[in-house]
Amino acid sequence: MVRLRAVRVNTDHGGAAGDAGVKVSSKTIPEVDVSYFFTPNLAAELILTYPQKHTVRLGGTPVGSLKQLPPTLLGQYHFTGLGAFKPYLGAGVNYTRFSSVDIAGGAVSIKKDSWGPALQAGLDYALDKNWVLNFDVKKVWMDTKVTGAGLDHAKYKVDPWLIGVGVGYRF
């Protein structure tokens, strides 16, 4: 199955850097996922997008930007026997690569890699044999270390909620 979604990325802000007022912008992005079904109930899903640019703010004032590329791999359980409604739950791992970091004119740097867990709940609604409407919610845990501007190795938690709607095609 291949799905195309519009996803709202709602970032949470935590850790010492988040407590100091550092915030990364929320935004809506395109997302593509590819699912392989091992059985009617068990599948693996790979979620892909292109590097997303986010504005970084300190106390509400823009201080720079960065890009993040967050591929995520999930194992899923799909519930069957509910007619056109096909709910599923997933759990897996996220890898995020931060790039094009330009914060405070280069005075602030961040650790470039993040690994963390991801959870998912979704629903495919079958329109016919192959096409589905999709609704999906994911929680992804991602963080980095911030260095500079008085934040020496301060942890910053992005930890976004991803809320998506889209269409899918099952082969």
Protein backbone atom coordinates (compact mmCIF):
# COMPACT_ATOMS: atom_id res chain seq x y z
CA MET A 1 0.00 0.00 0.00
CA VAL A 2 1.14 3.52 -0.77
CA ARG A 3 -0.39 6.56 0.93
CA LEU A 4 -0.04 10.29 0.34
CA ARG A 5 -0.97 12.51 3.28
CA ALA A 6 -1.07 16.13 4.33
CA VAL A 7 0.33 16.12 7.86
CA ARG A 8 0.18 18.82 10.52
CA VAL A 9 3.37 18.76 12.61
CA ASN A 10 2.59 20.18 16.06
CA THR A 11 5.85 20.48 17.96
CA ASP A 12 6.08 20.15 21.72
CA HIS A 13 8.92 21.97 23.44
CA GLY A 14 10.80 20.55 26.38
CA GLY A 15 14.15 19.93 27.98
CA ALA A 16 16.45 22.63 29.33
CA ALA A 17 16.53 24.51 26.00
CA GLY A 18 12.73 24.36 25.68
CA ASP A 19 12.41 25.62 29.24
CA ALA A 20 14.72 28.52 28.25
CA GLY A 21 12.20 29.60 25.57
CA VAL A 22 13.56 27.84 22.45
CA LYS A 23 10.74 26.82 20.09
CA VAL A 24 10.65 25.20 16.64
CA SER A 25 7.76 26.15 14.36
CA SER A 26 4.81 23.86 13.70
CA LYS A 27 3.76 23.40 10.08
CA THR A 28 1.85 21.31 7.54
CA ILE A 29 3.92 19.02 5.31
CA PRO A 30 3.44 16.38 2.60
CA GLU A 31 4.13 12.79 3.60
CA VAL A 32 4.41 9.55 1.65
CA ASP A 33 4.37 6.13 3.23
CA VAL A 34 4.89 2.66 1.87
CA SER A 35 3.39 -0.31 3.73
CA TYR A 36 4.15 -3.96 3.16
CA PHE A 37 1.64 -6.46 4.53
CA PHE A 38 3.15 -9.71 5.79
CA THR A 39 -0.34 -11.00 6.69
CA PRO A 40 -3.79 -9.33 6.57
CA ASN A 41 -3.08 -8.05 10.11
CA LEU A 42 0.67 -7.39 10.25
CA ALA A 43 2.46 -4.75 8.21
CA ALA A 44 5.59 -2.60 8.20
CA GLU A 45 5.29 1.07 7.22
CA LEU A 46 8.11 3.38 6.12
CA ILE A 47 7.21 7.07 6.35
CA LEU A 48 9.07 9.51 4.13
CA THR A 49 9.13 13.23 3.36
CA TYR A 50 11.77 15.70 2.20
CA PRO A 51 13.86 17.86 4.60
CA GLN A 52 11.48 20.29 6.28
CA LYS A 53 12.61 23.84 7.11
CA HIS A 54 11.52 25.17 10.51
CA THR A 55 11.88 28.59 12.08
CA VAL A 56 13.64 28.60 15.47
CA ARG A 57 12.40 31.15 17.99
CA LEU A 58 13.73 32.28 21.34
CA GLY A 59 11.13 33.93 23.53
CA GLY A 60 8.92 34.43 20.47
CA THR A 61 11.62 36.17 18.41
CA PRO A 62 12.93 34.39 15.28
CA VAL A 63 16.62 33.57 15.79
CA GLY A 64 17.23 31.27 12.84
CA SER A 65 16.17 28.12 11.08
CA LEU A 66 17.02 24.48 10.56
CA LYS A 67 15.90 21.57 8.43
CA GLN A 68 14.93 18.13 9.67
CA LEU A 69 14.50 14.88 7.77
CA PRO A 70 12.53 12.38 9.92
CA PRO A 71 12.11 8.94 8.26
CA THR A 72 10.16 6.59 10.53
CA LEU A 73 9.74 2.81 10.42
CA LEU A 74 6.71 1.28 12.15
CA GLY A 75 5.39 -2.21 12.73
CA GLN A 76 1.59 -2.18 12.51
CA TYR A 77 -1.35 -4.30 13.56
CA HIS A 78 -4.41 -3.89 11.30
CA PHE A 79 -7.81 -4.89 12.68
CA THR A 80 -9.96 -6.89 10.24
CA GLY A 81 -13.62 -7.86 10.01
CA LEU A 82 -15.00 -4.31 10.29
CA GLY A 83 -16.13 -3.86 6.68
CA ALA A 84 -14.87 -0.68 5.05
CA PHE A 85 -13.32 0.53 8.35
CA LYS A 86 -9.73 -0.67 8.74
CA PRO A 87 -8.20 0.71 11.98
CA TYR A 88 -4.56 0.08 12.86
CA LEU A 89 -2.00 0.67 15.59
CA GLY A 90 1.74 1.03 15.08
CA ALA A 91 4.97 1.30 17.02
CA GLY A 92 8.50 1.77 15.80
CA VAL A 93 11.55 3.98 15.56
CA ASN A 94 12.27 7.44 14.18
CA TYR A 95 15.64 8.71 12.96
CA THR A 96 15.88 12.46 12.46
CA ARG A 97 18.74 14.21 10.69
CA PHE A 98 19.05 17.94 11.37
CA SER A 99 20.76 20.02 8.66
CA SER A 100 21.13 23.58 7.33
CA VAL A 101 21.32 24.85 10.91
CA ASP A 102 21.55 28.64 11.04
CA ILE A 103 20.73 29.80 14.55
CA ALA A 104 21.89 33.14 15.98
CA GLY A 105 24.24 33.68 13.03
CA GLY A 106 26.05 30.41 13.73
CA ALA A 107 26.59 31.13 17.44
CA VAL A 108 24.39 28.14 18.34
CA SER A 109 24.95 24.57 17.16
CA ILE A 110 22.98 21.38 17.60
CA LYS A 111 23.67 17.66 17.53
CA LYS A 112 22.76 16.49 14.00
CA ASP A 113 21.22 13.05 14.75
CA SER A 114 18.27 11.90 16.84
CA TRP A 115 16.82 8.42 17.42
CA GLY A 116 13.56 7.87 19.27
CA PRO A 117 10.40 5.82 19.52
CA ALA A 118 7.23 6.48 17.53
CA LEU A 119 3.60 5.46 18.12
CA GLN A 120 0.71 5.55 15.67
CA ALA A 121 -3.06 5.09 15.48
CA GLY A 122 -4.92 5.33 12.21
CA LEU A 123 -7.89 4.37 10.11
CA ASP A 124 -8.17 3.44 6.47
CA TYR A 125 -11.68 3.69 5.02
CA ALA A 126 -12.03 1.54 1.90
CA LEU A 127 -13.60 3.41 -1.01
CA ASP A 128 -13.33 0.37 -3.27
CA LYS A 129 -11.05 -2.65 -3.68
CA ASN A 130 -7.88 -0.54 -4.00
CA TRP A 131 -8.48 3.07 -2.85
CA VAL A 132 -8.73 4.22 0.78
CA LEU A 133 -9.19 7.46 2.69
CA ASN A 134 -6.70 7.64 5.55
CA PHE A 135 -6.69 9.38 8.92
CA ASP A 136 -3.59 9.02 11.07
CA VAL A 137 -2.08 10.32 14.33
CA LYS A 138 1.53 9.74 15.34
CA LYS A 139 3.63 10.74 18.33
CA VAL A 140 7.35 10.90 17.64
CA TRP A 141 10.02 11.46 20.26
CA MET A 142 12.99 13.41 18.92
CA ASP A 143 15.53 15.54 20.71
CA THR A 144 18.92 17.14 20.22
CA LYS A 145 21.63 18.89 22.23
CA VAL A 146 21.96 22.67 21.88
CA THR A 147 25.33 24.35 22.42
CA GLY A 148 26.03 28.09 22.47
CA ALA A 149 24.36 31.26 23.75
CA GLY A 150 24.55 29.98 27.33
CA LEU A 151 22.98 26.61 26.46
CA ASP A 152 25.98 24.29 26.69
CA HIS A 153 24.77 20.78 25.77
CA ALA A 154 21.22 21.66 26.83
CA LYS A 155 18.68 19.06 25.77
CA TYR A 156 15.91 20.21 23.45
CA LYS A 157 12.88 17.99 22.93
CA VAL A 158 10.87 18.56 19.74
CA ASP A 159 8.54 15.54 20.31
CA PRO A 160 5.92 16.39 17.65
CA TRP A 161 2.38 15.14 17.22
CA LEU A 162 1.70 14.38 13.55
CA ILE A 163 -1.94 14.53 12.45
CA GLY A 164 -2.56 13.43 8.89
CA VAL A 165 -5.26 12.92 6.29
CA GLY A 166 -4.78 11.46 2.85
CA VAL A 167 -5.48 8.80 0.28
CA GLY A 168 -3.94 5.41 -0.29
CA TYR A 169 -3.78 2.74 -2.95
CA ARG A 170 -3.48 -0.93 -2.06
CA PHE A 171 -1.90 -3.15 -4.70
